[in-house]
Amino acid sequence: MDRYFVRVNVNVGRLDANQDIAASYGVPLKGVPALAVLDGDGKVVYAQNKEFSDMRHLDSSALTSFLNQWKP
């Protein structure tokens, strides 16, 4: 995945920090992690809506499958 993506972690605390960053990318913080996919120019092509908010109960392949949709 490192070949196609750059991961940027943004600390949202207990959903009380950096809300402006999430809002600027159209990511509703209804849980963590919250994901956005941006193109090479920084334009949001997808902002998730809770798909991974309960990641601890998902198989890691769920994230890989999700990101594979956005590979160039």
PDB file of N, CA and C in Angstrom:
ATOM      1  N   MET A   1       0.804  -1.195   0.000  1.00  0.00           N
ATOM      2  CA  MET A   1       0.000   0.000   0.000  1.00  0.00           C
ATOM      3  C   MET A   1       0.854   1.269   0.000  1.00  0.00           C
ATOM      4  N   ASP A   2       2.052   1.183   0.565  1.00  0.00           N
ATOM      5  CA  ASP A   2       2.920   2.366   0.624  1.00  0.00           C
ATOM      6  C   ASP A   2       3.259   2.890  -0.771  1.00  0.00           C
ATOM      7  N   ARG A   3       3.198   2.020  -1.751  1.00  0.00           N
ATOM      8  CA  ARG A   3       3.489   2.436  -3.128  1.00  0.00           C
ATOM      9  C   ARG A   3       2.422   3.389  -3.662  1.00  0.00           C
ATOM     10  N   TYR A   4       1.190   3.252  -3.178  1.00  0.00           N
ATOM     11  CA  TYR A   4       0.067   4.015  -3.709  1.00  0.00           C
ATOM     12  C   TYR A   4      -0.480   5.075  -2.769  1.00  0.00           C
ATOM     13  N   PHE A   5      -0.183   4.958  -1.479  1.00  0.00           N
ATOM     14  CA  PHE A   5      -0.814   5.833  -0.503  1.00  0.00           C
ATOM     15  C   PHE A   5       0.192   6.439   0.458  1.00  0.00           C
ATOM     16  N   VAL A   6      -0.151   7.604   0.960  1.00  0.00           N
ATOM     17  CA  VAL A   6       0.586   8.238   2.046  1.00  0.00           C
ATOM     18  C   VAL A   6      -0.395   8.333   3.207  1.00  0.00           C
ATOM     19  N   ARG A   7      -0.071   7.695   4.303  1.00  0.00           N
ATOM     20  CA  ARG A   7      -0.947   7.736   5.470  1.00  0.00           C
ATOM     21  C   ARG A   7      -0.594   8.953   6.299  1.00  0.00           C
ATOM     22  N   VAL A   8      -1.624   9.688   6.676  1.00  0.00           N
ATOM     23  CA  VAL A   8      -1.445  10.848   7.549  1.00  0.00           C
ATOM     24  C   VAL A   8      -2.336  10.629   8.762  1.00  0.00           C
ATOM     25  N   ASN A   9      -1.727  10.533   9.910  1.00  0.00           N
ATOM     26  CA  ASN A   9      -2.484  10.373  11.149  1.00  0.00           C
ATOM     27  C   ASN A   9      -2.828  11.738  11.710  1.00  0.00           C
ATOM     28  N   VAL A  10      -4.074  11.911  12.085  1.00  0.00           N
ATOM     29  CA  VAL A  10      -4.520  13.140  12.726  1.00  0.00           C
ATOM     30  C   VAL A  10      -5.156  12.748  14.053  1.00  0.00           C
ATOM     31  N   ASN A  11      -4.589  13.226  15.138  1.00  0.00           N
ATOM     32  CA  ASN A  11      -5.118  12.924  16.454  1.00  0.00           C
ATOM     33  C   ASN A  11      -6.408  13.710  16.676  1.00  0.00           C
ATOM     34  N   VAL A  12      -7.493  12.989  16.930  1.00  0.00           N
ATOM     35  CA  VAL A  12      -8.760  13.654  17.217  1.00  0.00           C
ATOM     36  C   VAL A  12      -9.125  13.524  18.699  1.00  0.00           C
ATOM     37  N   GLY A  13      -8.169  13.058  19.494  1.00  0.00           N
ATOM     38  CA  GLY A  13      -8.413  12.920  20.929  1.00  0.00           C
ATOM     39  C   GLY A  13      -9.606  12.020  21.178  1.00  0.00           C
ATOM     40  N   ARG A  14     -10.486  12.465  21.990  1.00  0.00           N
ATOM     41  CA  ARG A  14     -11.745  11.744  22.245  1.00  0.00           C
ATOM     42  C   ARG A  14     -12.853  12.454  21.475  1.00  0.00           C
ATOM     43  N   LEU A  15     -12.572  12.673  20.204  1.00  0.00           N
ATOM     44  CA  LEU A  15     -13.452  13.410  19.293  1.00  0.00           C
ATOM     45  C   LEU A  15     -13.600  14.855  19.743  1.00  0.00           C
ATOM     46  N   ASP A  16     -12.522  15.395  20.332  1.00  0.00           N
ATOM     47  CA  ASP A  16     -12.562  16.775  20.785  1.00  0.00           C
ATOM     48  C   ASP A  16     -11.354  17.584  20.309  1.00  0.00           C
ATOM     49  N   ALA A  17     -10.553  17.019  19.426  1.00  0.00           N
ATOM     50  CA  ALA A  17      -9.368  17.722  18.923  1.00  0.00           C
ATOM     51  C   ALA A  17      -9.352  17.674  17.401  1.00  0.00           C
ATOM     52  N   ASN A  18      -8.843  18.709  16.794  1.00  0.00           N
ATOM     53  CA  ASN A  18      -8.650  18.776  15.343  1.00  0.00           C
ATOM     54  C   ASN A  18      -9.930  18.555  14.536  1.00  0.00           C
ATOM     55  N   GLN A  19     -11.051  18.943  15.096  1.00  0.00           N
ATOM     56  CA  GLN A  19     -12.319  18.809  14.394  1.00  0.00           C
ATOM     57  C   GLN A  19     -12.318  19.582  13.075  1.00  0.00           C
ATOM     58  N   ASP A  20     -11.600  20.695  13.048  1.00  0.00           N
ATOM     59  CA  ASP A  20     -11.552  21.513  11.842  1.00  0.00           C
ATOM     60  C   ASP A  20     -10.884  20.774  10.684  1.00  0.00           C
ATOM     61  N   ILE A  21      -9.902  19.942  10.982  1.00  0.00           N
ATOM     62  CA  ILE A  21      -9.236  19.181   9.926  1.00  0.00           C
ATOM     63  C   ILE A  21     -10.202  18.166   9.330  1.00  0.00           C
ATOM     64  N   ALA A  22     -10.873  17.418  10.164  1.00  0.00           N
ATOM     65  CA  ALA A  22     -11.852  16.443   9.677  1.00  0.00           C
ATOM     66  C   ALA A  22     -12.941  17.140   8.869  1.00  0.00           C
ATOM     67  N   ALA A  23     -13.441  18.245   9.367  1.00  0.00           N
ATOM     68  CA  ALA A  23     -14.506  18.979   8.666  1.00  0.00           C
ATOM     69  C   ALA A  23     -14.031  19.490   7.311  1.00  0.00           C
ATOM     70  N   SER A  24     -12.786  19.935   7.231  1.00  0.00           N
ATOM     71  CA  SER A  24     -12.298  20.470   5.954  1.00  0.00           C
ATOM     72  C   SER A  24     -12.223  19.402   4.871  1.00  0.00           C
ATOM     73  N   TYR A  25     -12.148  18.134   5.269  1.00  0.00           N
ATOM     74  CA  TYR A  25     -12.132  17.034   4.313  1.00  0.00           C
ATOM     75  C   TYR A  25     -13.482  16.327   4.216  1.00  0.00           C
ATOM     76  N   GLY A  26     -14.473  16.851   4.921  1.00  0.00           N
ATOM     77  CA  GLY A  26     -15.812  16.271   4.851  1.00  0.00           C
ATOM     78  C   GLY A  26     -15.940  14.923   5.531  1.00  0.00           C
ATOM     79  N   VAL A  27     -15.102  14.686   6.527  1.00  0.00           N
ATOM     80  CA  VAL A  27     -15.135  13.410   7.237  1.00  0.00           C
ATOM     81  C   VAL A  27     -15.938  13.580   8.521  1.00  0.00           C
ATOM     82  N   PRO A  28     -17.102  12.928   8.602  1.00  0.00           N
ATOM     83  CA  PRO A  28     -17.863  12.997   9.845  1.00  0.00           C
ATOM     84  C   PRO A  28     -17.203  12.111  10.892  1.00  0.00           C
ATOM     85  N   LEU A  29     -16.900  12.660  12.043  1.00  0.00           N
ATOM     86  CA  LEU A  29     -16.254  11.883  13.094  1.00  0.00           C
ATOM     87  C   LEU A  29     -17.321  11.211  13.949  1.00  0.00           C
ATOM     88  N   LYS A  30     -17.659   9.996  13.539  1.00  0.00           N
ATOM     89  CA  LYS A  30     -18.635   9.205  14.280  1.00  0.00           C
ATOM     90  C   LYS A  30     -17.961   8.014  14.930  1.00  0.00           C
ATOM     91  N   GLY A  31     -16.663   8.028  14.936  1.00  0.00           N
ATOM     92  CA  GLY A  31     -15.861   6.955  15.499  1.00  0.00           C
ATOM     93  C   GLY A  31     -14.482   7.033  14.880  1.00  0.00           C
ATOM     94  N   VAL A  32     -13.584   6.218  15.376  1.00  0.00           N
ATOM     95  CA  VAL A  32     -12.236   6.188  14.829  1.00  0.00           C
ATOM     96  C   VAL A  32     -11.866   4.750  14.508  1.00  0.00           C
ATOM     97  N   PRO A  33     -11.104   4.518  13.482  1.00  0.00           N
ATOM     98  CA  PRO A  33     -10.549   5.548  12.618  1.00  0.00           C
ATOM     99  C   PRO A  33     -11.593   6.099  11.669  1.00  0.00           C
ATOM    100  N   ALA A  34     -11.345   7.291  11.202  1.00  0.00           N
ATOM    101  CA  ALA A  34     -12.153   7.921  10.156  1.00  0.00           C
ATOM    102  C   ALA A  34     -11.207   8.143   8.980  1.00  0.00           C
ATOM    103  N   LEU A  35     -11.638   7.791   7.796  1.00  0.00           N
ATOM    104  CA  LEU A  35     -10.744   7.803   6.643  1.00  0.00           C
ATOM    105  C   LEU A  35     -11.231   8.719   5.542  1.00  0.00           C
ATOM    106  N   ALA A  36     -10.266   9.338   4.881  1.00  0.00           N
ATOM    107  CA  ALA A  36     -10.541  10.101   3.666  1.00  0.00           C
ATOM    108  C   ALA A  36      -9.490   9.681   2.646  1.00  0.00           C
ATOM    109  N   VAL A  37      -9.891   9.635   1.387  1.00  0.00           N
ATOM    110  CA  VAL A  37      -8.965   9.334   0.301  1.00  0.00           C
ATOM    111  C   VAL A  37      -8.875  10.591  -0.552  1.00  0.00           C
ATOM    112  N   LEU A  38      -7.645  11.064  -0.747  1.00  0.00           N
ATOM    113  CA  LEU A  38      -7.413  12.259  -1.551  1.00  0.00           C
ATOM    114  C   LEU A  38      -6.624  11.875  -2.794  1.00  0.00           C
ATOM    115  N   ASP A  39      -6.853  12.607  -3.872  1.00  0.00           N
ATOM    116  CA  ASP A  39      -6.072  12.353  -5.074  1.00  0.00           C
ATOM    117  C   ASP A  39      -4.719  13.056  -4.953  1.00  0.00           C
ATOM    118  N   GLY A  40      -3.902  12.948  -5.975  1.00  0.00           N
ATOM    119  CA  GLY A  40      -2.563  13.520  -5.943  1.00  0.00           C
ATOM    120  C   GLY A  40      -2.521  15.017  -5.788  1.00  0.00           C
ATOM    121  N   ASP A  41      -3.656  15.692  -6.063  1.00  0.00           N
ATOM    122  CA  ASP A  41      -3.734  17.144  -5.924  1.00  0.00           C
ATOM    123  C   ASP A  41      -4.341  17.574  -4.594  1.00  0.00           C
ATOM    124  N   GLY A  42      -4.647  16.602  -3.737  1.00  0.00           N
ATOM    125  CA  GLY A  42      -5.223  16.923  -2.438  1.00  0.00           C
ATOM    126  C   GLY A  42      -6.730  17.066  -2.437  1.00  0.00           C
ATOM    127  N   LYS A  43      -7.382  16.731  -3.545  1.00  0.00           N
ATOM    128  CA  LYS A  43      -8.849  16.800  -3.620  1.00  0.00           C
ATOM    129  C   LYS A  43      -9.445  15.514  -3.031  1.00  0.00           C
ATOM    130  N   VAL A  44     -10.448  15.673  -2.179  1.00  0.00           N
ATOM    131  CA  VAL A  44     -11.103  14.522  -1.561  1.00  0.00           C
ATOM    132  C   VAL A  44     -11.893  13.771  -2.629  1.00  0.00           C
ATOM    133  N   VAL A  45     -11.598  12.490  -2.772  1.00  0.00           N
ATOM    134  CA  VAL A  45     -12.367  11.653  -3.686  1.00  0.00           C
ATOM    135  C   VAL A  45     -13.315  10.745  -2.922  1.00  0.00           C
ATOM    136  N   TYR A  46     -13.052  10.585  -1.623  1.00  0.00           N
ATOM    137  CA  TYR A  46     -13.950   9.787  -0.798  1.00  0.00           C
ATOM    138  C   TYR A  46     -13.734  10.132   0.668  1.00  0.00           C
ATOM    139  N   ALA A  47     -14.808  10.344   1.389  1.00  0.00           N
ATOM    140  CA  ALA A  47     -14.760  10.538   2.838  1.00  0.00           C
ATOM    141  C   ALA A  47     -15.702   9.505   3.444  1.00  0.00           C
ATOM    142  N   GLN A  48     -15.171   8.631   4.240  1.00  0.00           N
ATOM    143  CA  GLN A  48     -15.977   7.539   4.794  1.00  0.00           C
ATOM    144  C   GLN A  48     -16.986   8.034   5.816  1.00  0.00           C
ATOM    145  N   ASN A  49     -18.034   7.246   5.978  1.00  0.00           N
ATOM    146  CA  ASN A  49     -19.091   7.578   6.923  1.00  0.00           C
ATOM    147  C   ASN A  49     -19.327   6.379   7.841  1.00  0.00           C
ATOM    148  N   LYS A  50     -18.419   6.183   8.789  1.00  0.00           N
ATOM    149  CA  LYS A  50     -18.520   5.127   9.809  1.00  0.00           C
ATOM    150  C   LYS A  50     -18.084   3.736   9.366  1.00  0.00           C
ATOM    151  N   GLU A  51     -17.650   3.515   8.123  1.00  0.00           N
ATOM    152  CA  GLU A  51     -17.291   2.165   7.699  1.00  0.00           C
ATOM    153  C   GLU A  51     -16.268   1.494   8.609  1.00  0.00           C
ATOM    154  N   PHE A  52     -15.329   2.270   9.128  1.00  0.00           N
ATOM    155  CA  PHE A  52     -14.263   1.694   9.935  1.00  0.00           C
ATOM    156  C   PHE A  52     -14.299   2.162  11.382  1.00  0.00           C
ATOM    157  N   SER A  53     -15.407   2.727  11.816  1.00  0.00           N
ATOM    158  CA  SER A  53     -15.474   3.268  13.169  1.00  0.00           C
ATOM    159  C   SER A  53     -15.400   2.177  14.241  1.00  0.00           C
ATOM    160  N   ASP A  54     -15.605   0.948  13.862  1.00  0.00           N
ATOM    161  CA  ASP A  54     -15.486  -0.157  14.806  1.00  0.00           C
ATOM    162  C   ASP A  54     -14.431  -1.136  14.305  1.00  0.00           C
ATOM    163  N   MET A  55     -13.289  -0.588  13.897  1.00  0.00           N
ATOM    164  CA  MET A  55     -12.229  -1.352  13.245  1.00  0.00           C
ATOM    165  C   MET A  55     -11.749  -2.534  14.076  1.00  0.00           C
ATOM    166  N   ARG A  56     -11.800  -2.429  15.388  1.00  0.00           N
ATOM    167  CA  ARG A  56     -11.287  -3.529  16.220  1.00  0.00           C
ATOM    168  C   ARG A  56     -12.035  -4.836  15.984  1.00  0.00           C
ATOM    169  N   HIS A  57     -13.238  -4.757  15.401  1.00  0.00           N
ATOM    170  CA  HIS A  57     -14.023  -5.962  15.137  1.00  0.00           C
ATOM    171  C   HIS A  57     -13.960  -6.394  13.674  1.00  0.00           C
ATOM    172  N   LEU A  58     -13.159  -5.710  12.868  1.00  0.00           N
ATOM    173  CA  LEU A  58     -13.031  -6.051  11.452  1.00  0.00           C
ATOM    174  C   LEU A  58     -11.705  -6.754  11.199  1.00  0.00           C
ATOM    175  N   ASP A  59     -11.696  -7.569  10.190  1.00  0.00           N
ATOM    176  CA  ASP A  59     -10.463  -8.202   9.750  1.00  0.00           C
ATOM    177  C   ASP A  59      -9.611  -7.154   9.041  1.00  0.00           C
ATOM    178  N   SER A  60      -8.299  -7.244   9.178  1.00  0.00           N
ATOM    179  CA  SER A  60      -7.430  -6.248   8.545  1.00  0.00           C
ATOM    180  C   SER A  60      -7.579  -6.231   7.034  1.00  0.00           C
ATOM    181  N   SER A  61      -8.045  -7.316   6.450  1.00  0.00           N
ATOM    182  CA  SER A  61      -8.241  -7.351   4.998  1.00  0.00           C
ATOM    183  C   SER A  61      -9.351  -6.393   4.554  1.00  0.00           C
ATOM    184  N   ALA A  62     -10.229  -5.993   5.466  1.00  0.00           N
ATOM    185  CA  ALA A  62     -11.291  -5.047   5.111  1.00  0.00           C
ATOM    186  C   ALA A  62     -10.696  -3.708   4.697  1.00  0.00           C
ATOM    187  N   LEU A  63      -9.683  -3.262   5.413  1.00  0.00           N
ATOM    188  CA  LEU A  63      -9.031  -2.006   5.067  1.00  0.00           C
ATOM    189  C   LEU A  63      -8.258  -2.145   3.759  1.00  0.00           C
ATOM    190  N   THR A  64      -7.571  -3.242   3.581  1.00  0.00           N
ATOM    191  CA  THR A  64      -6.837  -3.476   2.335  1.00  0.00           C
ATOM    192  C   THR A  64      -7.796  -3.486   1.148  1.00  0.00           C
ATOM    193  N   SER A  65      -8.906  -4.173   1.271  1.00  0.00           N
ATOM    194  CA  SER A  65      -9.903  -4.208   0.194  1.00  0.00           C
ATOM    195  C   SER A  65     -10.438  -2.819  -0.111  1.00  0.00           C
ATOM    196  N   PHE A  66     -10.694  -2.045   0.936  1.00  0.00           N
ATOM    197  CA  PHE A  66     -11.178  -0.687   0.758  1.00  0.00           C
ATOM    198  C   PHE A  66     -10.161   0.142  -0.020  1.00  0.00           C
ATOM    199  N   LEU A  67      -8.903   0.104   0.403  1.00  0.00           N
ATOM    200  CA  LEU A  67      -7.877   0.912  -0.251  1.00  0.00           C
ATOM    201  C   LEU A  67      -7.590   0.444  -1.680  1.00  0.00           C
ATOM    202  N   ASN A  68      -7.722  -0.830  -1.939  1.00  0.00           N
ATOM    203  CA  ASN A  68      -7.510  -1.336  -3.298  1.00  0.00           C
ATOM    204  C   ASN A  68      -8.460  -0.699  -4.306  1.00  0.00           C
ATOM    205  N   GLN A  69      -9.608  -0.264  -3.858  1.00  0.00           N
ATOM    206  CA  GLN A  69     -10.563   0.422  -4.746  1.00  0.00           C
ATOM    207  C   GLN A  69     -10.005   1.738  -5.278  1.00  0.00           C
ATOM    208  N   TRP A  70      -9.093   2.333  -4.542  1.00  0.00           N
ATOM    209  CA  TRP A  70      -8.605   3.681  -4.850  1.00  0.00           C
ATOM    210  C   TRP A  70      -7.216   3.706  -5.446  1.00  0.00           C
ATOM    211  N   LYS A  71      -6.615   2.532  -5.647  1.00  0.00           N
ATOM    212  CA  LYS A  71      -5.275   2.515  -6.253  1.00  0.00           C
ATOM    213  C   LYS A  71      -5.364   3.030  -7.690  1.00  0.00           C
ATOM    214  N   PRO A  72      -4.334   3.750  -8.101  1.00  0.00           N
ATOM    215  CA  PRO A  72      -4.339   4.207  -9.505  1.00  0.00           C
ATOM    216  C   PRO A  72      -4.144   3.051 -10.469  1.00  0.00           C
TER     217      PRO A  72
END
